[in-house]
Amino acid sequence: MALSQTKEDYLKTIYVLSMTKDVHCSDLADALGVSRPTVSVALKKLENAGYILRGTGHEILLSEKGRTIAEAVYERHSTFREILEKLGVGAETAAIDACRLEHAVSQESFQALKRLMDLSGAGQCREI
């Protein structure tokens, strides 16, 4: 089952935040710019679908299934951001556009872009 862009964004955000701290509802609300009740509703759906778990301290944890998706979305985001920055796009614009591209580009096209980066050497885009 394909997840919505919003659910993928939640999983990616949990993944990124969990790299530096325990993640709680308020952390997600702040990071995503939404209300705590909105986060609570989304988390309930993700938990019921088996993408997240709740820790003993009410922290939000990714299940194996959730982590797999979060890592894939994060890789797509990071790759698109790197490509755009290497092409001269400003960091802020690259980050915003990478958020859009991570959901819009097919897996086939994404893999082709990764191969292009690999062929061009050390992650530097060649002239297109």
N, C-alpha and C. Protein backbone atom coordinates (compact mmCIF):
# COMPACT_ATOMS: atom_id res chain seq x y z
N MET A 1 0.85 -1.18 0.00
CA MET A 1 0.00 0.00 0.00
C MET A 1 0.89 1.24 0.00
N ALA A 2 0.64 2.13 -0.94
CA ALA A 2 1.40 3.37 -1.02
C ALA A 2 0.90 4.35 0.04
N LEU A 3 1.83 4.99 0.69
CA LEU A 3 1.48 5.99 1.70
C LEU A 3 1.27 7.34 1.05
N SER A 4 0.48 8.17 1.69
CA SER A 4 0.29 9.54 1.21
C SER A 4 1.57 10.34 1.46
N GLN A 5 1.68 11.44 0.77
CA GLN A 5 2.83 12.33 0.95
C GLN A 5 2.92 12.79 2.40
N THR A 6 1.79 13.09 3.00
CA THR A 6 1.77 13.55 4.39
C THR A 6 2.32 12.49 5.34
N LYS A 7 1.89 11.26 5.16
CA LYS A 7 2.37 10.18 6.03
C LYS A 7 3.86 9.94 5.83
N GLU A 8 4.31 10.01 4.58
CA GLU A 8 5.75 9.87 4.32
C GLU A 8 6.52 11.00 5.00
N ASP A 9 5.97 12.21 4.97
CA ASP A 9 6.62 13.35 5.61
C ASP A 9 6.72 13.15 7.13
N TYR A 10 5.66 12.62 7.73
CA TYR A 10 5.69 12.33 9.16
C TYR A 10 6.80 11.32 9.47
N LEU A 11 6.85 10.24 8.72
CA LEU A 11 7.86 9.21 8.98
C LEU A 11 9.27 9.76 8.80
N LYS A 12 9.47 10.53 7.73
CA LYS A 12 10.80 11.13 7.49
C LYS A 12 11.17 12.08 8.61
N THR A 13 10.23 12.87 9.07
CA THR A 13 10.50 13.83 10.14
C THR A 13 10.83 13.11 11.45
N ILE A 14 10.09 12.07 11.76
CA ILE A 14 10.39 11.27 12.95
C ILE A 14 11.81 10.71 12.84
N TYR A 15 12.14 10.20 11.67
CA TYR A 15 13.48 9.63 11.43
C TYR A 15 14.57 10.67 11.65
N VAL A 16 14.40 11.84 11.05
CA VAL A 16 15.42 12.89 11.15
C VAL A 16 15.55 13.38 12.60
N LEU A 17 14.43 13.64 13.26
CA LEU A 17 14.47 14.11 14.64
C LEU A 17 15.08 13.05 15.58
N SER A 18 14.79 11.80 15.30
CA SER A 18 15.29 10.73 16.18
C SER A 18 16.80 10.55 16.10
N MET A 19 17.42 11.17 15.12
CA MET A 19 18.88 11.10 15.03
C MET A 19 19.55 11.87 16.17
N THR A 20 18.82 12.83 16.75
CA THR A 20 19.43 13.67 17.78
C THR A 20 18.71 13.65 19.13
N LYS A 21 17.48 13.10 19.17
CA LYS A 21 16.75 13.12 20.44
C LYS A 21 15.56 12.18 20.38
N ASP A 22 14.95 11.95 21.55
CA ASP A 22 13.68 11.24 21.62
C ASP A 22 12.62 12.15 21.03
N VAL A 23 11.74 11.60 20.22
CA VAL A 23 10.74 12.39 19.51
C VAL A 23 9.40 12.29 20.23
N HIS A 24 8.81 13.44 20.47
CA HIS A 24 7.48 13.52 21.08
C HIS A 24 6.54 14.29 20.16
N CYS A 25 5.27 14.22 20.47
CA CYS A 25 4.23 14.87 19.66
C CYS A 25 4.54 16.34 19.43
N SER A 26 4.95 17.03 20.47
CA SER A 26 5.23 18.47 20.34
C SER A 26 6.40 18.73 19.39
N ASP A 27 7.39 17.83 19.37
CA ASP A 27 8.52 17.98 18.45
C ASP A 27 8.04 17.92 17.00
N LEU A 28 7.15 16.96 16.73
CA LEU A 28 6.62 16.82 15.37
C LEU A 28 5.77 18.03 14.99
N ALA A 29 4.95 18.49 15.91
CA ALA A 29 4.11 19.66 15.64
C ALA A 29 4.98 20.86 15.27
N ASP A 30 6.04 21.08 16.04
CA ASP A 30 6.94 22.20 15.77
C ASP A 30 7.65 22.03 14.42
N ALA A 31 8.16 20.84 14.16
CA ALA A 31 8.92 20.59 12.94
C ALA A 31 8.06 20.68 11.69
N LEU A 32 6.82 20.24 11.79
CA LEU A 32 5.93 20.22 10.63
C LEU A 32 5.04 21.45 10.52
N GLY A 33 5.05 22.28 11.56
CA GLY A 33 4.24 23.49 11.53
C GLY A 33 2.75 23.22 11.59
N VAL A 34 2.37 22.21 12.36
CA VAL A 34 0.96 21.87 12.52
C VAL A 34 0.62 21.80 14.00
N SER A 35 -0.65 21.68 14.31
CA SER A 35 -1.08 21.65 15.72
C SER A 35 -0.84 20.26 16.33
N ARG A 36 -0.77 20.22 17.65
CA ARG A 36 -0.61 18.95 18.35
C ARG A 36 -1.78 18.00 18.10
N PRO A 37 -3.03 18.51 18.09
CA PRO A 37 -4.13 17.60 17.77
C PRO A 37 -4.02 16.98 16.37
N THR A 38 -3.53 17.76 15.41
CA THR A 38 -3.33 17.25 14.05
C THR A 38 -2.29 16.13 14.08
N VAL A 39 -1.21 16.34 14.82
CA VAL A 39 -0.17 15.32 14.95
C VAL A 39 -0.73 14.07 15.62
N SER A 40 -1.51 14.25 16.66
CA SER A 40 -2.08 13.11 17.39
C SER A 40 -2.93 12.23 16.48
N VAL A 41 -3.75 12.86 15.65
CA VAL A 41 -4.60 12.11 14.72
C VAL A 41 -3.74 11.33 13.73
N ALA A 42 -2.74 11.98 13.16
CA ALA A 42 -1.87 11.33 12.18
C ALA A 42 -1.09 10.19 12.82
N LEU A 43 -0.59 10.41 14.02
CA LEU A 43 0.19 9.36 14.70
C LEU A 43 -0.66 8.15 15.01
N LYS A 44 -1.90 8.37 15.37
CA LYS A 44 -2.81 7.25 15.65
C LYS A 44 -2.97 6.38 14.41
N LYS A 45 -3.14 7.03 13.26
CA LYS A 45 -3.26 6.29 12.01
C LYS A 45 -1.98 5.53 11.68
N LEU A 46 -0.83 6.18 11.87
CA LEU A 46 0.45 5.51 11.61
C LEU A 46 0.68 4.35 12.57
N GLU A 47 0.28 4.53 13.82
CA GLU A 47 0.42 3.46 14.81
C GLU A 47 -0.49 2.28 14.47
N ASN A 48 -1.73 2.56 14.12
CA ASN A 48 -2.67 1.49 13.76
C ASN A 48 -2.22 0.72 12.52
N ALA A 49 -1.52 1.40 11.62
CA ALA A 49 -1.01 0.75 10.40
C ALA A 49 0.33 0.06 10.63
N GLY A 50 0.90 0.19 11.83
CA GLY A 50 2.14 -0.50 12.14
C GLY A 50 3.42 0.21 11.73
N TYR A 51 3.33 1.52 11.48
CA TYR A 51 4.52 2.27 11.07
C TYR A 51 5.29 2.87 12.24
N ILE A 52 4.60 3.10 13.34
CA ILE A 52 5.26 3.65 14.52
C ILE A 52 4.85 2.88 15.76
N LEU A 53 5.63 3.07 16.83
CA LEU A 53 5.37 2.50 18.14
C LEU A 53 5.51 3.61 19.16
N ARG A 54 4.97 3.40 20.33
CA ARG A 54 5.13 4.36 21.43
C ARG A 54 6.04 3.76 22.48
N GLY A 55 7.03 4.52 22.89
CA GLY A 55 7.95 4.07 23.93
C GLY A 55 7.35 4.27 25.31
N THR A 56 8.05 3.78 26.31
CA THR A 56 7.56 3.88 27.70
C THR A 56 7.47 5.33 28.17
N GLY A 57 8.28 6.20 27.62
CA GLY A 57 8.24 7.62 27.96
C GLY A 57 7.40 8.41 26.99
N HIS A 58 6.50 7.76 26.27
CA HIS A 58 5.61 8.36 25.27
C HIS A 58 6.36 8.89 24.05
N GLU A 59 7.63 8.50 23.91
CA GLU A 59 8.35 8.91 22.71
C GLU A 59 7.82 8.11 21.51
N ILE A 60 8.01 8.68 20.34
CA ILE A 60 7.54 8.08 19.09
C ILE A 60 8.71 7.35 18.45
N LEU A 61 8.50 6.07 18.17
CA LEU A 61 9.54 5.24 17.59
C LEU A 61 9.06 4.69 16.25
N LEU A 62 9.94 4.55 15.33
CA LEU A 62 9.60 3.93 14.05
C LEU A 62 9.66 2.42 14.19
N SER A 63 8.66 1.75 13.66
CA SER A 63 8.72 0.29 13.57
C SER A 63 9.70 -0.05 12.44
N GLU A 64 10.00 -1.30 12.25
CA GLU A 64 10.88 -1.69 11.15
C GLU A 64 10.29 -1.25 9.82
N LYS A 65 9.00 -1.46 9.67
CA LYS A 65 8.29 -1.07 8.45
C LYS A 65 8.35 0.46 8.26
N GLY A 66 8.13 1.21 9.33
CA GLY A 66 8.19 2.66 9.26
C GLY A 66 9.58 3.18 8.97
N ARG A 67 10.58 2.55 9.58
CA ARG A 67 11.97 2.96 9.37
C ARG A 67 12.39 2.74 7.91
N THR A 68 11.98 1.65 7.34
CA THR A 68 12.32 1.35 5.95
C THR A 68 11.80 2.45 5.03
N ILE A 69 10.56 2.85 5.22
CA ILE A 69 9.98 3.91 4.40
C ILE A 69 10.66 5.24 4.68
N ALA A 70 10.87 5.56 5.95
CA ALA A 70 11.49 6.83 6.32
C ALA A 70 12.89 6.96 5.73
N GLU A 71 13.67 5.89 5.79
CA GLU A 71 15.02 5.93 5.23
C GLU A 71 15.00 6.13 3.72
N ALA A 72 14.05 5.49 3.05
CA ALA A 72 13.95 5.65 1.59
C ALA A 72 13.55 7.08 1.22
N VAL A 73 12.59 7.65 1.93
CA VAL A 73 12.17 9.02 1.65
C VAL A 73 13.30 10.00 1.96
N TYR A 74 13.99 9.76 3.06
CA TYR A 74 15.12 10.63 3.43
C TYR A 74 16.24 10.55 2.39
N GLU A 75 16.51 9.35 1.88
CA GLU A 75 17.53 9.21 0.83
C GLU A 75 17.13 9.99 -0.42
N ARG A 76 15.88 9.88 -0.81
CA ARG A 76 15.41 10.61 -1.98
C ARG A 76 15.57 12.12 -1.75
N HIS A 77 15.13 12.58 -0.59
CA HIS A 77 15.23 14.00 -0.27
C HIS A 77 16.70 14.47 -0.31
N SER A 78 17.56 13.73 0.35
CA SER A 78 18.98 14.11 0.42
C SER A 78 19.61 14.12 -0.96
N THR A 79 19.27 13.15 -1.78
CA THR A 79 19.84 13.07 -3.12
C THR A 79 19.38 14.24 -3.98
N PHE A 80 18.08 14.52 -3.96
CA PHE A 80 17.57 15.64 -4.75
C PHE A 80 18.15 16.96 -4.27
N ARG A 81 18.25 17.12 -2.98
CA ARG A 81 18.82 18.37 -2.44
C ARG A 81 20.27 18.53 -2.89
N GLU A 82 21.03 17.45 -2.82
CA GLU A 82 22.44 17.50 -3.24
C GLU A 82 22.56 17.84 -4.72
N ILE A 83 21.75 17.19 -5.55
CA ILE A 83 21.79 17.46 -6.99
C ILE A 83 21.51 18.94 -7.25
N LEU A 84 20.45 19.44 -6.65
CA LEU A 84 20.07 20.84 -6.88
C LEU A 84 21.14 21.82 -6.40
N GLU A 85 21.71 21.55 -5.23
CA GLU A 85 22.75 22.44 -4.72
C GLU A 85 23.98 22.40 -5.61
N LYS A 86 24.34 21.22 -6.12
CA LYS A 86 25.50 21.11 -7.00
C LYS A 86 25.26 21.81 -8.33
N LEU A 87 23.99 21.96 -8.70
CA LEU A 87 23.65 22.68 -9.92
C LEU A 87 23.54 24.19 -9.69
N GLY A 88 23.79 24.62 -8.45
CA GLY A 88 23.82 26.04 -8.15
C GLY A 88 22.55 26.60 -7.52
N VAL A 89 21.60 25.74 -7.20
CA VAL A 89 20.38 26.21 -6.53
C VAL A 89 20.71 26.50 -5.07
N GLY A 90 20.19 27.59 -4.54
CA GLY A 90 20.43 27.95 -3.15
C GLY A 90 19.92 26.88 -2.20
N ALA A 91 20.55 26.78 -1.03
CA ALA A 91 20.24 25.71 -0.08
C ALA A 91 18.78 25.69 0.34
N GLU A 92 18.21 26.85 0.61
CA GLU A 92 16.81 26.90 1.06
C GLU A 92 15.86 26.45 -0.05
N THR A 93 16.07 26.93 -1.25
CA THR A 93 15.24 26.53 -2.39
C THR A 93 15.43 25.05 -2.69
N ALA A 94 16.67 24.58 -2.63
CA ALA A 94 16.95 23.16 -2.88
C ALA A 94 16.21 22.28 -1.89
N ALA A 95 16.18 22.68 -0.62
CA ALA A 95 15.50 21.89 0.41
C ALA A 95 13.99 21.85 0.15
N ILE A 96 13.42 22.99 -0.21
CA ILE A 96 11.98 23.06 -0.49
C ILE A 96 11.63 22.21 -1.71
N ASP A 97 12.41 22.37 -2.77
CA ASP A 97 12.14 21.60 -3.99
C ASP A 97 12.39 20.11 -3.78
N ALA A 98 13.38 19.75 -2.99
CA ALA A 98 13.65 18.34 -2.70
C ALA A 98 12.46 17.70 -2.00
N CYS A 99 11.79 18.46 -1.14
CA CYS A 99 10.59 17.93 -0.46
C CYS A 99 9.50 17.60 -1.48
N ARG A 100 9.40 18.40 -2.52
CA ARG A 100 8.40 18.13 -3.55
C ARG A 100 8.84 16.96 -4.43
N LEU A 101 10.08 16.98 -4.84
CA LEU A 101 10.58 15.94 -5.74
C LEU A 101 10.58 14.55 -5.12
N GLU A 102 10.86 14.47 -3.82
CA GLU A 102 10.94 13.15 -3.18
C GLU A 102 9.64 12.37 -3.33
N HIS A 103 8.53 13.06 -3.54
CA HIS A 103 7.23 12.40 -3.70
C HIS A 103 6.79 12.30 -5.15
N ALA A 104 7.32 13.17 -6.00
CA ALA A 104 6.79 13.30 -7.36
C ALA A 104 7.52 12.47 -8.40
N VAL A 105 8.77 12.13 -8.17
CA VAL A 105 9.58 11.45 -9.17
C VAL A 105 9.48 9.93 -8.99
N SER A 106 9.33 9.24 -10.10
CA SER A 106 9.22 7.77 -10.05
C SER A 106 10.52 7.16 -9.54
N GLN A 107 10.42 5.94 -9.06
CA GLN A 107 11.60 5.22 -8.59
C GLN A 107 12.59 5.02 -9.74
N GLU A 108 12.08 4.77 -10.95
CA GLU A 108 12.95 4.59 -12.11
C GLU A 108 13.77 5.84 -12.39
N SER A 109 13.11 7.00 -12.39
CA SER A 109 13.82 8.26 -12.64
C SER A 109 14.79 8.58 -11.51
N PHE A 110 14.38 8.30 -10.28
CA PHE A 110 15.27 8.53 -9.14
C PHE A 110 16.55 7.70 -9.28
N GLN A 111 16.41 6.43 -9.62
CA GLN A 111 17.58 5.57 -9.78
C GLN A 111 18.47 6.06 -10.92
N ALA A 112 17.86 6.56 -11.99
CA ALA A 112 18.64 7.10 -13.11
C ALA A 112 19.44 8.33 -12.67
N LEU A 113 18.83 9.20 -11.88
CA LEU A 113 19.54 10.37 -11.37
C LEU A 113 20.67 9.97 -10.44
N LYS A 114 20.46 8.96 -9.63
CA LYS A 114 21.53 8.47 -8.75
C LYS A 114 22.68 7.93 -9.59
N ARG A 115 22.37 7.20 -10.66
CA ARG A 115 23.43 6.68 -11.53
C ARG A 115 24.20 7.83 -12.17
N LEU A 116 23.50 8.87 -12.58
CA LEU A 116 24.15 10.05 -13.16
C LEU A 116 25.13 10.66 -12.17
N MET A 117 24.70 10.76 -10.92
CA MET A 117 25.59 11.30 -9.88
C MET A 117 26.81 10.40 -9.71
N ASP A 118 26.59 9.09 -9.71
CA ASP A 118 27.70 8.14 -9.55
C ASP A 118 28.66 8.22 -10.72
N LEU A 119 28.13 8.34 -11.93
CA LEU A 119 28.97 8.40 -13.13
C LEU A 119 29.78 9.69 -13.20
N SER A 120 29.22 10.75 -12.65
CA SER A 120 29.90 12.03 -12.73
C SER A 120 31.02 12.16 -11.71
N GLY A 121 31.10 11.20 -10.80
CA GLY A 121 32.22 11.17 -9.86
C GLY A 121 31.98 11.94 -8.59
N ALA A 122 32.07 11.27 -7.49
CA ALA A 122 32.01 11.85 -6.14
C ALA A 122 30.82 12.78 -5.93
N GLY A 123 29.69 12.43 -6.53
CA GLY A 123 28.48 13.19 -6.28
C GLY A 123 28.42 14.55 -6.95
N GLN A 124 29.29 14.81 -7.91
CA GLN A 124 29.25 16.10 -8.58
C GLN A 124 28.57 15.92 -9.94
N CYS A 125 27.54 16.68 -10.17
CA CYS A 125 26.78 16.56 -11.43
C CYS A 125 27.64 17.05 -12.59
N ARG A 126 27.57 16.31 -13.66
CA ARG A 126 28.23 16.77 -14.88
C ARG A 126 27.28 17.66 -15.64
N GLU A 127 27.78 18.30 -16.64
CA GLU A 127 26.95 19.18 -17.46
C GLU A 127 25.85 18.36 -18.11
N ILE A 128 24.62 18.86 -18.00
CA ILE A 128 23.48 18.13 -18.55
C ILE A 128 23.00 18.82 -19.81
